[in-house]
Structure formats: structure tokens, C-alpha cells
């Protein structure tokens, strides 16, 4: 769900809980409504992700959210330092 729609849900009081979820070295934000859990997305429909917890939290705060649950169970910050493989295997 894009930011414009999320703001409308927040203003209407439809968002019951917000979670900042870590997957690998990235973070995404999920909004829980009475009927479903909706991830924040880009305008093209991809899940919106941040490289740091503070960036995701700052974006969430700018939406007017004052409280969020942070889930770090699948956070692997060292993952971003893995070397990239080349196509020829070297």
C-alpha cells in the first residue's frame, strides 16, 4: 500500500498496530488493520525497504505513528558485506 493510502487509513483510525520488520540487512514496515496486514509499498507495488532501522523509524514517525513494534529475529546486518559473485565465477 502506498504512502497516500496509508495516511488515509491512519487518519481514519484503521491502523491498529505498526511493525518494523528486519529481513537480512533491510527493514520494511507492516501496518495491521482489523482485517489484514499490509506492507508499505512503492508506487509501483514493490515492498518499500530501508537500509537502516532509523530510516524506517523516521519514515514511520513522519506518517504520524508514535509507536511501533520492532522485529529483529531475522536481522543479519553483516549480510550486506557479503562479496558479490561475478558471472564467470571469479
N, C-alpha and C. Protein backbone atom coordinates (compact mmCIF):
# COMPACT_ATOMS: atom_id res chain seq x y z
N UNK A 1 0.85 -1.17 0.00
CA UNK A 1 0.00 0.00 0.00
C UNK A 1 0.89 1.24 0.00
N UNK A 2 0.59 2.18 -0.84
CA UNK A 2 1.43 3.36 -0.95
C UNK A 2 1.17 4.35 0.19
N UNK A 3 2.05 5.33 0.30
CA UNK A 3 2.02 6.27 1.42
C UNK A 3 0.72 7.07 1.49
N UNK A 4 0.19 7.45 0.37
CA UNK A 4 -1.06 8.25 0.36
C UNK A 4 -2.22 7.45 0.96
N UNK A 5 -2.35 6.21 0.56
CA UNK A 5 -3.41 5.35 1.09
C UNK A 5 -3.19 5.06 2.57
N UNK A 6 -1.93 4.83 2.94
CA UNK A 6 -1.62 4.59 4.36
C UNK A 6 -2.01 5.78 5.23
N UNK A 7 -1.71 6.97 4.75
CA UNK A 7 -2.08 8.17 5.52
C UNK A 7 -3.60 8.24 5.72
N UNK A 8 -4.36 7.88 4.71
CA UNK A 8 -5.82 7.89 4.82
C UNK A 8 -6.28 6.86 5.86
N UNK A 9 -5.68 5.68 5.85
CA UNK A 9 -6.03 4.65 6.85
C UNK A 9 -5.68 5.10 8.26
N UNK A 10 -4.52 5.73 8.41
CA UNK A 10 -4.09 6.21 9.72
C UNK A 10 -5.05 7.28 10.22
N UNK A 11 -5.38 8.23 9.35
CA UNK A 11 -6.30 9.31 9.72
C UNK A 11 -7.69 8.78 10.09
N UNK A 12 -8.10 7.69 9.46
CA UNK A 12 -9.41 7.10 9.74
C UNK A 12 -9.39 6.21 10.98
N UNK A 13 -8.20 5.97 11.54
CA UNK A 13 -8.08 5.13 12.73
C UNK A 13 -8.13 3.64 12.42
N UNK A 14 -7.90 3.27 11.17
CA UNK A 14 -7.98 1.87 10.78
C UNK A 14 -6.71 1.07 11.07
N UNK A 15 -5.60 1.76 11.33
CA UNK A 15 -4.35 1.07 11.63
C UNK A 15 -4.30 0.78 13.13
N UNK A 16 -4.21 -0.50 13.46
CA UNK A 16 -4.23 -0.91 14.87
C UNK A 16 -2.83 -1.13 15.43
N UNK A 17 -1.90 -1.55 14.59
CA UNK A 17 -0.54 -1.84 15.05
C UNK A 17 0.42 -1.65 13.88
N UNK A 18 1.64 -1.19 14.19
CA UNK A 18 2.67 -1.00 13.18
C UNK A 18 3.90 -1.79 13.60
N UNK A 19 4.48 -2.52 12.64
CA UNK A 19 5.69 -3.29 12.91
C UNK A 19 6.77 -2.89 11.91
N UNK A 20 7.99 -2.71 12.43
CA UNK A 20 9.16 -2.55 11.59
C UNK A 20 9.86 -3.90 11.63
N UNK A 21 9.97 -4.55 10.47
CA UNK A 21 10.45 -5.93 10.39
C UNK A 21 11.78 -5.97 9.66
N UNK A 22 12.75 -6.66 10.25
CA UNK A 22 14.06 -6.85 9.62
C UNK A 22 14.08 -8.16 8.86
N UNK A 23 14.60 -8.12 7.66
CA UNK A 23 14.84 -9.32 6.83
C UNK A 23 16.21 -9.13 6.20
N UNK A 24 17.16 -9.96 6.58
CA UNK A 24 18.52 -9.78 6.09
C UNK A 24 19.07 -8.48 6.67
N UNK A 25 19.57 -7.62 5.82
CA UNK A 25 20.11 -6.34 6.27
C UNK A 25 19.15 -5.18 5.97
N UNK A 26 17.92 -5.48 5.56
CA UNK A 26 16.94 -4.46 5.21
C UNK A 26 15.76 -4.48 6.18
N UNK A 27 15.01 -3.39 6.20
CA UNK A 27 13.84 -3.24 7.06
C UNK A 27 12.64 -2.85 6.20
N UNK A 28 11.47 -3.37 6.55
CA UNK A 28 10.24 -2.92 5.92
C UNK A 28 9.20 -2.68 7.02
N UNK A 29 8.15 -1.97 6.68
CA UNK A 29 7.13 -1.59 7.66
C UNK A 29 5.81 -2.25 7.28
N UNK A 30 5.15 -2.87 8.28
CA UNK A 30 3.85 -3.50 8.09
C UNK A 30 2.81 -2.81 8.96
N UNK A 31 1.63 -2.62 8.39
CA UNK A 31 0.53 -1.98 9.09
C UNK A 31 -0.58 -3.01 9.29
N UNK A 32 -0.99 -3.18 10.52
CA UNK A 32 -2.05 -4.14 10.83
C UNK A 32 -3.38 -3.40 10.95
N UNK A 33 -4.35 -3.86 10.17
CA UNK A 33 -5.71 -3.32 10.23
C UNK A 33 -6.59 -4.42 10.83
N UNK A 34 -7.84 -4.14 11.10
CA UNK A 34 -8.71 -5.20 11.65
C UNK A 34 -8.85 -6.42 10.74
N UNK A 35 -8.64 -6.27 9.44
CA UNK A 35 -8.85 -7.38 8.51
C UNK A 35 -7.59 -7.96 7.89
N UNK A 36 -6.46 -7.23 7.93
CA UNK A 36 -5.26 -7.75 7.26
C UNK A 36 -4.00 -7.02 7.73
N UNK A 37 -2.87 -7.54 7.28
CA UNK A 37 -1.58 -6.89 7.49
C UNK A 37 -1.08 -6.43 6.14
N UNK A 38 -0.74 -5.15 6.06
CA UNK A 38 -0.38 -4.53 4.79
C UNK A 38 1.04 -3.98 4.86
N UNK A 39 1.94 -4.40 3.97
CA UNK A 39 3.28 -3.82 3.96
C UNK A 39 3.27 -2.47 3.23
N UNK A 40 4.13 -1.58 3.66
CA UNK A 40 4.30 -0.33 2.91
C UNK A 40 4.91 -0.68 1.57
N UNK A 41 4.46 -0.01 0.52
CA UNK A 41 4.96 -0.32 -0.81
C UNK A 41 5.27 0.95 -1.59
N UNK A 42 6.00 0.77 -2.66
CA UNK A 42 6.30 1.87 -3.56
C UNK A 42 5.10 2.09 -4.47
N UNK A 43 5.14 3.11 -5.27
CA UNK A 43 4.03 3.37 -6.20
C UNK A 43 3.90 2.28 -7.24
N UNK A 44 4.99 1.58 -7.50
CA UNK A 44 4.96 0.50 -8.49
C UNK A 44 4.52 -0.83 -7.88
N UNK A 45 4.30 -0.85 -6.57
CA UNK A 45 3.79 -2.05 -5.93
C UNK A 45 4.82 -2.92 -5.23
N UNK A 46 6.11 -2.59 -5.31
CA UNK A 46 7.14 -3.36 -4.61
C UNK A 46 7.12 -2.99 -3.13
N UNK A 47 7.51 -3.93 -2.28
CA UNK A 47 7.59 -3.65 -0.85
C UNK A 47 8.69 -2.61 -0.63
N UNK A 48 8.35 -1.56 0.08
CA UNK A 48 9.30 -0.49 0.35
C UNK A 48 10.25 -0.95 1.45
N UNK A 49 11.55 -0.78 1.25
CA UNK A 49 12.54 -1.25 2.21
C UNK A 49 13.57 -0.16 2.49
N UNK A 50 14.12 -0.23 3.70
CA UNK A 50 15.14 0.72 4.14
C UNK A 50 16.39 -0.03 4.55
N UNK A 51 17.54 0.63 4.44
CA UNK A 51 18.81 0.02 4.80
C UNK A 51 19.12 0.12 6.28
N UNK A 52 18.39 0.96 7.01
CA UNK A 52 18.66 1.11 8.44
C UNK A 52 17.36 1.23 9.23
N UNK A 53 17.44 0.83 10.47
CA UNK A 53 16.29 0.91 11.37
C UNK A 53 15.87 2.35 11.58
N UNK A 54 16.83 3.25 11.73
CA UNK A 54 16.47 4.65 11.99
C UNK A 54 15.76 5.27 10.79
N UNK A 55 16.11 4.88 9.57
CA UNK A 55 15.42 5.42 8.38
C UNK A 55 13.97 4.93 8.34
N UNK A 56 13.75 3.65 8.63
CA UNK A 56 12.39 3.11 8.66
C UNK A 56 11.58 3.76 9.78
N UNK A 57 12.20 3.95 10.93
CA UNK A 57 11.51 4.57 12.06
C UNK A 57 11.19 6.04 11.77
N UNK A 58 12.11 6.74 11.14
CA UNK A 58 11.88 8.15 10.80
C UNK A 58 10.71 8.28 9.82
N UNK A 59 10.65 7.40 8.81
CA UNK A 59 9.54 7.42 7.85
C UNK A 59 8.22 7.15 8.56
N UNK A 60 8.22 6.16 9.46
CA UNK A 60 7.02 5.81 10.22
C UNK A 60 6.57 6.99 11.09
N UNK A 61 7.51 7.63 11.75
CA UNK A 61 7.20 8.79 12.60
C UNK A 61 6.62 9.94 11.76
N UNK A 62 7.15 10.13 10.56
CA UNK A 62 6.65 11.20 9.69
C UNK A 62 5.21 10.95 9.22
N UNK A 63 4.77 9.69 9.27
CA UNK A 63 3.38 9.38 8.96
C UNK A 63 2.45 9.74 10.11
N UNK A 64 3.02 10.03 11.28
CA UNK A 64 2.22 10.35 12.44
C UNK A 64 2.08 9.20 13.41
N UNK A 65 2.85 8.15 13.20
CA UNK A 65 2.83 6.99 14.09
C UNK A 65 3.82 7.22 15.22
N UNK A 66 3.36 7.08 16.45
CA UNK A 66 4.22 7.31 17.61
C UNK A 66 4.73 6.04 18.26
N UNK A 67 4.22 4.89 17.84
CA UNK A 67 4.62 3.64 18.47
C UNK A 67 4.66 2.53 17.42
N UNK A 68 5.73 1.74 17.45
CA UNK A 68 5.86 0.62 16.52
C UNK A 68 6.60 -0.52 17.20
N UNK A 69 6.29 -1.72 16.81
CA UNK A 69 6.98 -2.91 17.29
C UNK A 69 8.14 -3.18 16.33
N UNK A 70 9.31 -3.48 16.87
CA UNK A 70 10.47 -3.78 16.03
C UNK A 70 10.77 -5.27 16.15
N UNK A 71 10.76 -5.96 15.01
CA UNK A 71 11.05 -7.39 14.98
C UNK A 71 12.43 -7.60 14.35
N UNK A 72 13.37 -8.09 15.15
CA UNK A 72 14.75 -8.26 14.70
C UNK A 72 15.18 -9.71 14.56
N UNK A 73 14.25 -10.65 14.66
CA UNK A 73 14.60 -12.07 14.65
C UNK A 73 15.36 -12.48 13.40
N UNK A 74 15.05 -11.91 12.26
CA UNK A 74 15.69 -12.30 11.00
C UNK A 74 16.67 -11.24 10.50
N UNK A 75 17.17 -10.42 11.41
CA UNK A 75 18.12 -9.36 11.05
C UNK A 75 19.52 -9.92 11.01
N UNK A 76 20.19 -9.77 9.90
CA UNK A 76 21.58 -10.18 9.75
C UNK A 76 22.36 -9.01 9.14
N UNK A 77 22.79 -8.07 9.98
CA UNK A 77 23.43 -6.86 9.47
C UNK A 77 24.70 -7.12 8.68
N UNK A 78 25.41 -8.21 8.98
CA UNK A 78 26.64 -8.50 8.25
C UNK A 78 26.38 -8.96 6.83
N UNK A 79 25.13 -9.29 6.51
CA UNK A 79 24.81 -9.80 5.19
C UNK A 79 25.16 -8.82 4.08
N UNK A 80 25.09 -7.55 4.34
CA UNK A 80 25.39 -6.57 3.30
C UNK A 80 26.86 -6.55 2.93
N UNK A 81 27.73 -7.17 3.73
CA UNK A 81 29.14 -7.19 3.42
C UNK A 81 29.56 -8.43 2.66
N UNK A 82 28.62 -9.28 2.28
CA UNK A 82 28.96 -10.46 1.50
C UNK A 82 29.48 -10.02 0.14
N UNK A 83 30.54 -10.68 -0.33
CA UNK A 83 31.05 -10.29 -1.66
C UNK A 83 30.09 -10.72 -2.76
N UNK A 84 30.01 -9.92 -3.79
CA UNK A 84 29.16 -10.24 -4.92
C UNK A 84 29.91 -11.17 -5.85
N UNK A 85 29.24 -12.19 -6.33
CA UNK A 85 29.88 -13.12 -7.27
C UNK A 85 29.77 -12.56 -8.67
N UNK A 86 30.78 -12.80 -9.46
CA UNK A 86 30.73 -12.40 -10.87
C UNK A 86 30.13 -13.53 -11.68
N UNK A 87 29.74 -13.25 -12.88
CA UNK A 87 29.09 -14.27 -13.71
C UNK A 87 30.02 -15.40 -14.10
N UNK A 88 31.32 -15.13 -14.22
CA UNK A 88 32.25 -16.19 -14.62
C UNK A 88 32.78 -16.97 -13.40
N UNK A 89 32.27 -16.67 -12.20
CA UNK A 89 32.65 -17.42 -11.02
C UNK A 89 33.91 -16.98 -10.33
N UNK A 90 34.55 -15.91 -10.80
CA UNK A 90 35.79 -15.47 -10.15
C UNK A 90 35.58 -14.31 -9.23
